[in-house]
Amino acid sequence: MEFKEIIKLLREEDGITQTGLAKMLKVSQSTVAQWEAGTRMPTAQAVVAIARCFDTSADFILGLVDEKLRLVPYYKDLSEKEQTFMQAYAQLSPERKNAVGEIVRLFLEE
């Protein structure tokens, strides 16, 4: 699925109008309409805001992954940098996740 289809699907599933989504994201209704028509793409900041709005990942919003995972509540409390790290970590192989865990453990021991 493409971004234009995903944003419309999420918006309609949550019963939000284009105008309502525009207000939530602090953009114009015409911007949302252009996103859904595929004539305009959002900025990186807008993608993050959209993902937060729908409690999902930026990867899903952009069509990079097919699975629409709802984020755990604490995820919203993380900084943008922490969220980016968590998204990157989730894409690692089990072996690399173990390596990252070992590095974090070493830092915590210092």
Protein backbone atom coordinates (compact mmCIF):
# COMPACT_ATOMS: atom_id res chain seq x y z
CA MET A 1 0.00 0.00 0.00
CA GLU A 2 1.15 3.54 -0.68
CA PHE A 3 1.22 6.48 1.72
CA LYS A 4 -1.84 8.08 0.11
CA GLU A 5 -3.89 4.92 0.68
CA ILE A 6 -2.57 4.33 4.19
CA ILE A 7 -3.35 7.80 5.54
CA LYS A 8 -6.87 7.68 4.14
CA LEU A 9 -7.43 4.19 5.54
CA LEU A 10 -6.22 5.18 9.02
CA ARG A 11 -8.22 8.40 8.98
CA GLU A 12 -11.42 6.64 7.93
CA GLU A 13 -10.92 3.75 10.39
CA ASP A 14 -10.74 6.28 13.21
CA GLY A 15 -13.74 8.23 11.87
CA ILE A 16 -11.74 11.41 11.34
CA THR A 17 -12.50 13.86 8.54
CA GLN A 18 -9.77 15.48 6.47
CA THR A 19 -10.53 18.72 8.28
CA GLY A 20 -10.28 17.01 11.66
CA LEU A 21 -6.95 15.42 10.81
CA ALA A 22 -5.68 18.73 9.46
CA LYS A 23 -6.51 20.42 12.76
CA MET A 24 -4.80 17.66 14.74
CA LEU A 25 -1.66 17.98 12.60
CA LYS A 26 -1.80 21.79 12.33
CA VAL A 27 -1.91 21.74 8.54
CA SER A 28 -4.59 22.80 6.08
CA GLN A 29 -7.37 20.52 4.90
CA SER A 30 -6.07 20.95 1.35
CA THR A 31 -2.70 19.57 2.47
CA VAL A 32 -4.38 16.41 3.79
CA ALA A 33 -6.40 16.17 0.55
CA GLN A 34 -3.19 16.45 -1.50
CA TRP A 35 -1.53 13.73 0.59
CA GLU A 36 -4.50 11.44 0.00
CA ALA A 37 -4.55 12.24 -3.72
CA GLY A 38 -0.84 11.47 -3.95
CA THR A 39 0.02 14.89 -5.36
CA ARG A 40 2.03 15.91 -2.31
CA MET A 41 4.13 14.06 0.25
CA PRO A 42 4.42 15.09 3.92
CA THR A 43 7.60 16.36 5.50
CA ALA A 44 9.50 14.05 7.83
CA GLN A 45 8.06 15.98 10.78
CA ALA A 46 4.55 15.49 9.44
CA VAL A 47 5.14 11.73 9.05
CA VAL A 48 6.17 11.54 12.70
CA ALA A 49 3.11 13.55 13.73
CA ILE A 50 0.83 11.31 11.64
CA ALA A 51 2.36 8.18 13.15
CA ARG A 52 1.85 9.55 16.66
CA CYS A 53 -1.70 10.57 15.83
CA PHE A 54 -2.58 7.03 14.77
CA ASP A 55 -0.38 5.23 17.34
CA THR A 56 1.60 3.40 14.68
CA SER A 57 5.07 3.50 13.19
CA ALA A 58 6.41 5.89 10.58
CA ASP A 59 7.48 2.77 8.67
CA PHE A 60 3.85 1.72 8.35
CA ILE A 61 2.72 5.24 7.43
CA LEU A 62 5.29 5.30 4.61
CA GLY A 63 4.38 1.83 3.36
CA LEU A 64 7.75 0.32 4.31
CA VAL A 65 6.15 -2.44 6.39
CA ASP A 66 2.80 -4.09 5.85
CA GLU A 67 1.94 -4.77 9.46
CA LYS A 68 0.00 -2.04 11.25
CA LEU A 69 1.30 -2.35 14.77
CA ARG A 70 -0.33 -0.20 17.37
CA LEU A 71 2.37 1.19 19.59
CA VAL A 72 2.48 0.53 23.28
CA PRO A 73 1.37 3.56 25.30
CA TYR A 74 4.79 4.41 26.71
CA TYR A 75 6.14 4.82 23.17
CA LYS A 76 4.40 8.19 22.91
CA ASP A 77 6.34 9.40 25.95
CA LEU A 78 9.71 8.80 24.29
CA SER A 79 11.60 11.62 22.61
CA GLU A 80 11.76 11.68 18.82
CA LYS A 81 15.37 10.44 18.99
CA GLU A 82 14.36 7.54 21.27
CA GLN A 83 11.47 6.62 18.97
CA THR A 84 13.81 6.60 15.97
CA PHE A 85 16.17 4.31 17.88
CA MET A 86 13.35 1.95 18.83
CA GLN A 87 12.13 1.77 15.22
CA ALA A 88 15.66 1.00 14.00
CA TYR A 89 16.18 -1.58 16.77
CA ALA A 90 12.95 -3.36 15.83
CA GLN A 91 14.31 -3.95 12.33
CA LEU A 92 17.52 -5.65 13.51
CA SER A 93 18.10 -9.39 13.30
CA PRO A 94 17.96 -11.31 16.61
CA GLU A 95 21.77 -11.55 16.61
CA ARG A 96 22.20 -7.81 16.23
CA LYS A 97 19.57 -7.13 18.88
CA ASN A 98 21.62 -9.31 21.24
CA ALA A 99 24.74 -7.32 20.34
CA VAL A 100 22.99 -4.02 21.06
CA GLY A 101 21.73 -5.45 24.36
CA GLU A 102 25.27 -6.43 25.30
CA ILE A 103 26.57 -2.94 24.51
CA VAL A 104 23.83 -1.35 26.62
CA ARG A 105 24.59 -3.75 29.48
CA LEU A 106 28.28 -2.76 29.33
CA PHE A 107 27.39 0.94 29.46
CA LEU A 108 25.11 0.37 32.45
CA GLU A 109 27.90 -1.43 34.31
CA GLU A 110 30.25 1.55 34.04
